[in-house]
Amino acid sequence: MAEPNPSHPRILFLFSDTGGGHRSASEAIIEALHLEFGGRFSTEMVDIFREYSPRPLSYMPDWYPKMVRLPRAWEIGFYLSNGPGRLRLINASTWPYLRHSYHALFAQHPSDLIVSVHPLAITPVLWALGKPRPPFITVVTDLITAHGSWFNRNTDLCIVPTESACQRAIRFGLLPKQVKVVGLPVADRFCQPPGDKSQLRKRLGWPLDVPVILLMGGGEGMGPIESTARTIDRAVLHAALVIIAGRNQQLKQKLEAHHWSMPTYIYGFVREMPDFMQAADILITKAGPGTITEAVNAGLPMILFSRLPGQEDGNVIHVVSEGAGVWAPTPSQICDTLNPWLQNPEQLARVAQNSRRLANPHAAREIARLLAVQVSRYSPAAQASKTTQKN
């Protein structure tokens, strides 16, 4: 992230580490700003909960991993809060509690453009900004069934990843001219043209003569990874299995202790995920928006085994309805999908083609260009730069 420079227009990104998608989306856009415009903008990232919310909200990033392990409670909370009247009540009741912290945020981080990539950093933030204020842009990181807290009529621009999310924004009161369908921003390394699969596999030490199944549960190794891997192993498939345990060291140790009957490769947290995806033939994973976006950029057929109720329900529907993958929440259902895919390469190729059709690898750069347009209309630094160029 670029250091703040008073001579450059300042863009402030509001996020929180309540799930990996908000931080990674911010970082992808900042990377795209640098790739598109060099050092013309100063950027900052602020975790709205950890850095500028009073207790106990400041603990939200620490609580989040425990909260998502209670899917039924999460689902109830999602739907109970997901209505315009209820949202107004929630925001009105929490505003007195938040206002001093959020006023301090903008006193300490003066900006020419504010970008929120978190649904809870929108309405109270707009109230804290008041008027006049710099442009405020929302980048929605839920693919389909975005919570209503993402949508506020006072935002200057709401950038959404899909047409379905656009229609949802309009149902929550935004005007069509306020909403722009672009795609979900992911890091540039996930947006490169396909590499040579054989060369990638040689470098990774994977076999060249059998399909490769990639099994993962995000950076934390969440979901039924172990039981799914064992079931696949017992199915005696003509394939190799690559398992990403992420930061889950206990899972990694259990997998490494198992005697596998098929070629199996076990990793912890990896930074070569773009190469892993391009080298694989099938992805088995949870229905997170970032992972799905990275997978379609690689043209990977997907088997989705878990979802966060409410906000990720639409992700499953999206992947399945577009023919880019299937929903298989149990290990036996996963194997029931793998068998015909592996035995019928033409069918697997069709699913891969459908997945690739959903890709928008230029989303982050397009968002960067939209931000540049917005900030140029407001920023004194940008206006001064224009004047200098004319002279």
Protein backbone atom coordinates (compact mmCIF):
# COMPACT_ATOMS: atom_id res chain seq x y z
CA MET A 1 0.00 0.00 0.00
CA ALA A 2 1.32 3.40 -0.95
CA GLU A 3 2.36 5.80 1.81
CA PRO A 4 0.09 8.87 2.10
CA ASN A 5 1.50 11.74 0.02
CA PRO A 6 -0.07 15.18 0.54
CA SER A 7 0.56 16.09 -3.11
CA HIS A 8 -1.49 13.14 -4.38
CA PRO A 9 -5.26 12.56 -4.20
CA ARG A 10 -5.97 10.47 -1.10
CA ILE A 11 -8.17 7.37 -1.27
CA LEU A 12 -9.28 5.74 2.00
CA PHE A 13 -10.43 2.09 1.99
CA LEU A 14 -12.65 0.92 4.84
CA PHE A 15 -12.69 -2.82 5.47
CA SER A 16 -12.53 -5.32 8.30
CA ASP A 17 -10.98 -8.75 8.71
CA THR A 18 -14.37 -10.37 9.25
CA GLY A 19 -13.75 -12.88 6.49
CA GLY A 20 -10.92 -12.71 4.01
CA GLY A 21 -12.84 -11.13 1.17
CA HIS A 22 -12.97 -7.54 2.41
CA ARG A 23 -9.22 -7.13 2.89
CA SER A 24 -8.31 -8.97 -0.32
CA ALA A 25 -10.78 -6.88 -2.37
CA SER A 26 -9.23 -3.67 -0.98
CA GLU A 27 -5.73 -4.91 -1.72
CA ALA A 28 -6.72 -5.96 -5.25
CA ILE A 29 -8.11 -2.50 -6.05
CA ILE A 30 -5.06 -0.75 -4.57
CA GLU A 31 -2.81 -3.01 -6.64
CA ALA A 32 -4.87 -2.17 -9.74
CA LEU A 33 -4.60 1.57 -9.00
CA HIS A 34 -0.83 1.21 -8.92
CA LEU A 35 -0.78 -0.87 -12.13
CA GLU A 36 -3.06 1.55 -13.98
CA PHE A 37 -1.83 4.88 -12.63
CA GLY A 38 1.58 4.33 -11.03
CA GLY A 39 2.03 6.58 -7.98
CA ARG A 40 -0.65 9.14 -8.81
CA PHE A 41 -2.78 8.26 -5.78
CA SER A 42 -2.10 7.84 -2.06
CA THR A 43 -4.03 4.97 -0.51
CA GLU A 44 -4.78 3.90 3.04
CA MET A 45 -6.62 0.90 4.48
CA VAL A 46 -8.42 1.12 7.83
CA ASP A 47 -10.03 -1.80 9.65
CA ILE A 48 -13.22 -0.06 10.73
CA PHE A 49 -13.85 -2.46 13.62
CA ARG A 50 -10.39 -3.13 14.99
CA GLU A 51 -9.08 0.42 14.70
CA TYR A 52 -12.10 2.71 15.06
CA SER A 53 -15.00 0.97 16.76
CA PRO A 54 -15.54 0.97 20.53
CA ARG A 55 -15.58 -2.26 22.47
CA PRO A 56 -16.99 -4.85 22.05
CA LEU A 57 -17.28 -4.16 18.28
CA SER A 58 -13.50 -3.82 18.11
CA TYR A 59 -13.33 -7.57 18.80
CA MET A 60 -15.40 -8.47 15.72
CA PRO A 61 -12.40 -9.68 13.64
CA ASP A 62 -11.51 -12.07 16.48
CA TRP A 63 -15.09 -13.27 16.91
CA TYR A 64 -15.83 -13.82 13.24
CA PRO A 65 -14.20 -17.30 12.88
CA LYS A 66 -16.26 -18.53 15.83
CA MET A 67 -19.46 -16.93 14.54
CA VAL A 68 -19.34 -18.64 11.14
CA ARG A 69 -19.05 -22.01 12.88
CA LEU A 70 -22.64 -21.46 14.06
CA PRO A 71 -24.39 -21.40 10.66
CA ARG A 72 -27.93 -21.58 12.01
CA ALA A 73 -27.39 -18.58 14.29
CA TRP A 74 -25.71 -16.71 11.42
CA GLU A 75 -28.67 -17.44 9.15
CA ILE A 76 -31.19 -16.17 11.70
CA GLY A 77 -29.20 -12.98 12.23
CA PHE A 78 -28.84 -12.43 8.48
CA TYR A 79 -32.55 -12.64 7.71
CA LEU A 80 -33.80 -10.89 10.86
CA SER A 81 -31.67 -7.83 10.07
CA ASN A 82 -32.16 -7.85 6.30
CA GLY A 83 -34.96 -5.34 5.76
CA PRO A 84 -35.02 -1.55 5.23
CA GLY A 85 -37.05 -0.80 8.38
CA ARG A 86 -34.98 -3.11 10.57
CA LEU A 87 -31.76 -1.68 9.18
CA ARG A 88 -32.90 1.86 9.97
CA LEU A 89 -33.67 0.79 13.53
CA ILE A 90 -30.31 -0.97 13.96
CA ASN A 91 -28.34 1.97 12.55
CA ALA A 92 -30.28 4.53 14.60
CA SER A 93 -29.74 2.59 17.82
CA THR A 94 -25.99 2.08 17.28
CA TRP A 95 -25.21 5.57 15.95
CA PRO A 96 -24.81 7.29 19.36
CA TYR A 97 -22.40 4.53 20.30
CA LEU A 98 -20.30 4.89 17.12
CA ARG A 99 -20.35 8.57 16.21
CA HIS A 100 -17.40 9.82 18.27
CA SER A 101 -15.13 7.05 16.97
CA TYR A 102 -16.13 7.62 13.35
CA HIS A 103 -15.74 11.39 13.62
CA ALA A 104 -12.22 10.72 14.90
CA LEU A 105 -11.59 8.41 11.94
CA PHE A 106 -12.14 11.18 9.39
CA ALA A 107 -10.35 13.80 11.45
CA GLN A 108 -7.28 11.54 11.45
CA HIS A 109 -7.61 10.32 7.84
CA PRO A 110 -8.64 13.25 5.62
CA SER A 111 -9.44 11.86 2.19
CA ASP A 112 -10.47 12.87 -1.32
CA LEU A 113 -12.37 9.63 -1.89
CA ILE A 114 -13.71 7.00 0.51
CA VAL A 115 -14.26 3.40 -0.59
CA SER A 116 -16.14 0.97 1.63
CA VAL A 117 -15.71 -2.75 1.02
CA HIS A 118 -17.63 -3.76 4.14
CA PRO A 119 -21.43 -3.61 4.57
CA LEU A 120 -21.25 -2.28 8.13
CA ALA A 121 -18.98 0.59 7.09
CA ILE A 122 -21.55 2.38 4.97
CA THR A 123 -24.58 3.99 6.64
CA PRO A 124 -22.92 5.07 9.93
CA VAL A 125 -19.88 6.21 7.99
CA LEU A 126 -22.01 8.39 5.72
CA TRP A 127 -23.68 9.88 8.80
CA ALA A 128 -20.29 10.64 10.31
CA LEU A 129 -19.09 12.33 7.12
CA GLY A 130 -22.07 14.67 6.92
CA LYS A 131 -22.09 17.33 4.19
CA PRO A 132 -20.15 18.53 2.34
CA ARG A 133 -18.10 15.38 1.99
CA PRO A 134 -15.79 13.66 -0.49
CA PRO A 135 -17.23 11.06 -2.90
CA PHE A 136 -18.23 7.79 -1.25
CA ILE A 137 -18.12 4.52 -3.21
CA THR A 138 -19.25 1.07 -2.13
CA VAL A 139 -17.65 -2.07 -3.57
CA VAL A 140 -19.93 -5.02 -2.81
CA THR A 141 -18.05 -8.26 -2.20
CA ASP A 142 -21.06 -10.61 -2.07
CA LEU A 143 -21.84 -12.10 -5.47
CA ILE A 144 -25.63 -12.48 -5.41
CA THR A 145 -27.51 -12.40 -2.09
CA ALA A 146 -25.89 -9.31 -0.63
CA HIS A 147 -27.26 -8.11 2.72
CA GLY A 148 -29.30 -4.91 2.63
CA SER A 149 -26.69 -3.09 4.71
CA TRP A 150 -24.57 -2.84 1.55
CA PHE A 151 -27.04 -0.42 -0.02
CA ASN A 152 -27.47 3.22 0.98
CA ARG A 153 -29.17 5.76 -1.29
CA ASN A 154 -26.61 8.43 -0.41
CA THR A 155 -23.67 6.57 -1.86
CA ASP A 156 -22.23 8.17 -4.98
CA LEU A 157 -21.57 4.86 -6.71
CA CYS A 158 -22.27 1.26 -5.77
CA ILE A 159 -20.06 -1.22 -7.64
CA VAL A 160 -21.47 -4.76 -7.71
CA PRO A 161 -20.10 -8.05 -9.05
CA THR A 162 -23.18 -9.40 -10.89
CA GLU A 163 -26.41 -8.33 -12.51
CA SER A 164 -28.32 -10.14 -9.74
CA ALA A 165 -26.56 -8.00 -7.13
CA CYS A 166 -27.45 -4.92 -9.19
CA GLN A 167 -31.14 -5.82 -9.13
CA ARG A 168 -30.90 -6.39 -5.38
CA ALA A 169 -29.40 -2.91 -4.92
CA ILE A 170 -32.27 -1.39 -6.87
CA ARG A 171 -34.82 -3.28 -4.77
CA PHE A 172 -33.21 -1.71 -1.70
CA GLY A 173 -33.78 1.76 -3.10
CA LEU A 174 -30.73 2.68 -5.18
CA LEU A 175 -31.26 4.27 -8.57
CA PRO A 176 -30.01 2.37 -11.61
CA LYS A 177 -27.56 5.20 -12.34
CA GLN A 178 -26.00 4.69 -8.90
CA VAL A 179 -25.15 1.03 -9.55
CA LYS A 180 -22.41 -0.30 -11.82
CA VAL A 181 -21.90 -4.02 -12.60
CA VAL A 182 -18.18 -4.66 -12.87
CA GLY A 183 -17.21 -7.94 -11.23
CA LEU A 184 -15.45 -8.92 -8.03
CA PRO A 185 -11.90 -7.56 -7.69
CA VAL A 186 -9.20 -10.15 -7.10
CA ALA A 187 -5.42 -9.88 -7.11
CA ASP A 188 -3.75 -9.44 -10.49
CA ARG A 189 -1.94 -12.77 -10.17
CA PHE A 190 -5.35 -14.50 -10.46
CA CYS A 191 -6.14 -12.56 -13.65
CA GLN A 192 -3.31 -13.67 -15.92
CA PRO A 193 -3.83 -15.67 -19.14
CA PRO A 194 -3.70 -19.45 -18.66
CA GLY A 195 -0.21 -20.85 -18.35
CA ASP A 196 1.08 -24.15 -19.69
CA LYS A 197 -0.58 -26.75 -17.46
CA SER A 198 2.09 -29.39 -18.05
CA GLN A 199 4.90 -26.99 -17.18
CA LEU A 200 3.08 -25.87 -14.04
CA ARG A 201 2.60 -29.48 -12.93
CA LYS A 202 6.22 -30.31 -13.57
CA ARG A 203 7.32 -27.40 -11.43
CA LEU A 204 4.88 -28.36 -8.65
CA GLY A 205 5.86 -32.03 -8.83
CA TRP A 206 2.35 -33.22 -9.73
CA PRO A 207 1.64 -36.10 -12.13
CA LEU A 208 1.02 -35.33 -15.80
CA ASP A 209 -0.95 -38.45 -16.75
CA VAL A 210 -4.03 -38.16 -14.49
CA PRO A 211 -6.53 -35.38 -13.69
CA VAL A 212 -5.77 -33.34 -10.58
CA ILE A 213 -8.45 -32.62 -7.96
CA LEU A 214 -7.79 -29.56 -5.77
CA LEU A 215 -9.49 -29.66 -2.34
CA MET A 216 -9.45 -26.60 -0.11
CA GLY A 217 -11.44 -24.76 2.55
CA GLY A 218 -10.01 -21.25 2.43
CA GLY A 219 -7.03 -19.89 4.30
CA GLU A 220 -8.24 -21.41 7.58
CA GLY A 221 -8.85 -24.90 6.19
CA MET A 222 -12.54 -24.82 7.08
CA GLY A 223 -15.20 -27.40 6.25
CA PRO A 224 -15.18 -31.22 5.97
CA ILE A 225 -11.75 -31.40 4.35
CA GLU A 226 -10.53 -34.53 6.13
CA SER A 227 -13.69 -36.60 5.67
CA THR A 228 -13.99 -35.53 2.04
CA ALA A 229 -10.36 -36.41 1.31
CA ARG A 230 -10.69 -39.85 2.92
CA THR A 231 -13.89 -40.58 0.99
CA ILE A 232 -12.25 -39.60 -2.29
CA ASP A 233 -9.28 -41.81 -1.44
CA ARG A 234 -11.55 -44.82 -0.78
CA ALA A 235 -13.36 -44.27 -4.09
CA VAL A 236 -10.24 -45.39 -6.03
CA LEU A 237 -10.52 -42.67 -8.64
CA HIS A 238 -8.15 -42.35 -11.57
CA ALA A 239 -6.86 -38.99 -10.39
CA ALA A 240 -4.44 -37.19 -8.10
CA LEU A 241 -5.54 -35.24 -5.04
CA VAL A 242 -4.05 -31.93 -3.87
CA ILE A 243 -5.22 -30.79 -0.42
CA ILE A 244 -4.73 -27.28 0.97
CA ALA A 245 -5.03 -27.29 4.78
CA GLY A 246 -4.32 -23.57 5.06
CA ARG A 247 -3.38 -22.37 8.52
CA ASN A 248 -5.06 -25.42 10.08
CA GLN A 249 -1.94 -27.20 11.32
CA GLN A 250 -3.91 -29.90 13.13
CA LEU A 251 -5.67 -30.81 9.89
CA LYS A 252 -2.40 -30.86 7.98
CA GLN A 253 -0.82 -33.22 10.52
CA LYS A 254 -3.79 -35.60 10.37
CA LEU A 255 -3.68 -35.68 6.58
CA GLU A 256 0.06 -36.27 6.53
CA ALA A 257 -0.33 -39.21 8.92
CA HIS A 258 -2.84 -40.96 6.65
CA HIS A 259 -1.71 -43.66 4.20
CA TRP A 260 -3.13 -42.62 0.83
CA SER A 261 -4.00 -45.06 -1.93
CA MET A 262 -3.93 -42.38 -4.66
CA PRO A 263 -1.27 -39.76 -5.46
CA THR A 264 -1.88 -37.13 -2.79
CA TYR A 265 -0.10 -33.84 -2.10
CA ILE A 266 -0.72 -31.96 1.14
CA TYR A 267 0.05 -28.30 1.74
CA GLY A 268 -0.46 -25.78 4.50
CA PHE A 269 -0.98 -22.11 3.72
CA VAL A 270 0.25 -21.45 0.17
CA ARG A 271 0.98 -18.31 -1.83
CA GLU A 272 1.00 -20.05 -5.21
CA MET A 273 -2.76 -20.50 -5.42
CA PRO A 274 -3.05 -19.02 -8.94
CA ASP A 275 -0.62 -21.67 -10.22
CA PHE A 276 -2.40 -24.38 -8.20
CA MET A 277 -5.73 -23.44 -9.79
CA GLN A 278 -4.34 -23.28 -13.31
CA ALA A 279 -2.59 -26.63 -12.88
CA ALA A 280 -5.67 -28.41 -11.47
CA ASP A 281 -8.68 -29.85 -13.33
CA ILE A 282 -11.38 -29.75 -10.62
CA LEU A 283 -11.83 -27.59 -7.52
CA ILE A 284 -13.68 -28.76 -4.39
CA THR A 285 -14.25 -25.88 -1.99
CA LYS A 286 -16.66 -23.75 0.01
CA ALA A 287 -18.84 -21.15 -1.71
CA GLY A 288 -16.87 -18.03 -0.82
CA PRO A 289 -17.13 -15.22 -3.39
CA GLY A 290 -13.39 -14.66 -3.70
CA THR A 291 -12.59 -18.33 -4.26
CA ILE A 292 -15.37 -18.66 -6.84
CA THR A 293 -14.09 -15.60 -8.70
CA GLU A 294 -10.52 -16.89 -8.68
CA ALA A 295 -11.75 -20.29 -9.89
CA VAL A 296 -13.73 -18.93 -12.85
CA ASN A 297 -10.72 -16.84 -13.87
CA ALA A 298 -8.84 -20.16 -14.09
CA GLY A 299 -11.75 -21.91 -15.83
CA LEU A 300 -12.05 -24.50 -13.05
CA PRO A 301 -15.15 -26.72 -12.66
CA MET A 302 -16.32 -26.44 -9.05
CA ILE A 303 -17.85 -28.75 -6.49
CA LEU A 304 -19.15 -26.63 -3.60
CA PHE A 305 -19.51 -28.39 -0.25
CA SER A 306 -20.45 -25.62 2.18
CA ARG A 307 -21.81 -22.09 2.26
CA LEU A 308 -22.49 -19.36 4.79
CA PRO A 309 -26.31 -19.22 5.04
CA GLY A 310 -27.86 -16.07 3.69
CA GLN A 311 -25.07 -14.20 1.94
CA GLU A 312 -23.54 -17.24 0.20
CA ASP A 313 -26.79 -19.01 -0.76
CA GLY A 314 -26.85 -17.06 -4.01
CA ASN A 315 -23.26 -18.03 -4.80
CA VAL A 316 -24.28 -21.68 -4.98
CA ILE A 317 -27.30 -20.90 -7.14
CA HIS A 318 -25.12 -18.78 -9.42
CA VAL A 319 -22.49 -21.47 -9.99
CA VAL A 320 -25.01 -24.28 -10.45
CA SER A 321 -27.43 -22.36 -12.69
CA GLU A 322 -24.59 -21.27 -14.97
CA GLY A 323 -23.35 -24.85 -15.32
CA ALA A 324 -19.97 -24.00 -13.78
CA GLY A 325 -20.23 -26.51 -10.96
CA VAL A 326 -22.47 -28.43 -8.57
CA TRP A 327 -23.62 -28.29 -4.97
CA ALA A 328 -22.52 -31.43 -3.10
CA PRO A 329 -22.61 -30.92 0.68
CA THR A 330 -21.55 -34.46 1.67
CA PRO A 331 -18.44 -36.47 0.80
CA SER A 332 -20.53 -39.18 -0.90
CA GLN A 333 -22.24 -36.58 -3.10
CA ILE A 334 -18.84 -35.16 -4.01
CA CYS A 335 -17.68 -38.57 -5.19
CA ASP A 336 -20.95 -39.05 -7.09
CA THR A 337 -20.02 -35.93 -9.06
CA LEU A 338 -16.34 -36.76 -9.50
CA ASN A 339 -16.96 -40.19 -11.03
CA PRO A 340 -18.89 -39.07 -14.14
CA TRP A 341 -16.68 -36.01 -14.60
CA LEU A 342 -13.52 -38.11 -14.59
CA GLN A 343 -15.03 -40.81 -16.81
CA ASN A 344 -16.41 -38.30 -19.33
CA PRO A 345 -13.76 -35.69 -20.24
CA GLU A 346 -16.16 -34.00 -22.67
CA GLN A 347 -18.63 -33.30 -19.85
CA LEU A 348 -15.85 -31.95 -17.64
CA ALA A 349 -14.64 -29.74 -20.49
CA ARG A 350 -18.15 -28.26 -20.88
CA VAL A 351 -18.28 -27.39 -17.19
CA ALA A 352 -14.83 -25.81 -17.45
CA GLN A 353 -15.98 -23.75 -20.42
CA ASN A 354 -19.05 -22.56 -18.49
CA SER A 355 -16.81 -21.59 -15.58
CA ARG A 356 -14.47 -19.62 -17.82
CA ARG A 357 -17.45 -17.83 -19.39
CA LEU A 358 -18.25 -16.26 -15.99
CA ALA A 359 -14.76 -14.76 -15.63
CA ASN A 360 -14.10 -11.03 -15.54
CA PRO A 361 -10.36 -10.82 -14.91
CA HIS A 362 -10.32 -7.06 -15.57
CA ALA A 363 -12.69 -6.16 -12.70
CA ALA A 364 -10.09 -4.71 -10.33
CA ARG A 365 -8.59 -2.51 -13.04
CA GLU A 366 -12.01 -1.31 -14.17
CA ILE A 367 -12.84 -0.40 -10.57
CA ALA A 368 -9.53 1.44 -10.30
CA ARG A 369 -10.44 3.52 -13.35
CA LEU A 370 -13.87 4.31 -11.90
CA LEU A 371 -12.25 5.50 -8.67
CA ALA A 372 -9.84 7.67 -10.62
CA VAL A 373 -12.74 9.39 -12.37
CA GLN A 374 -14.56 10.01 -9.09
CA VAL A 375 -11.55 11.38 -7.23
CA SER A 376 -10.61 13.67 -10.13
CA ARG A 377 -13.96 15.42 -9.77
CA TYR A 378 -13.36 16.27 -6.13
CA SER A 379 -9.70 16.26 -5.17
CA PRO A 380 -7.97 19.66 -4.97
CA ALA A 381 -4.70 17.85 -5.71
CA ALA A 382 -6.16 16.33 -8.87
CA GLN A 383 -7.57 19.66 -9.98
CA ALA A 384 -4.21 21.34 -9.41
CA SER A 385 -2.51 18.60 -11.41
CA LYS A 386 -4.93 19.16 -14.31
CA THR A 387 -4.26 22.91 -14.21
CA THR A 388 -0.50 22.32 -14.26
CA GLN A 389 -0.81 19.98 -17.24
CA LYS A 390 -2.88 22.53 -19.18
CA ASN A 391 -0.34 25.26 -18.53
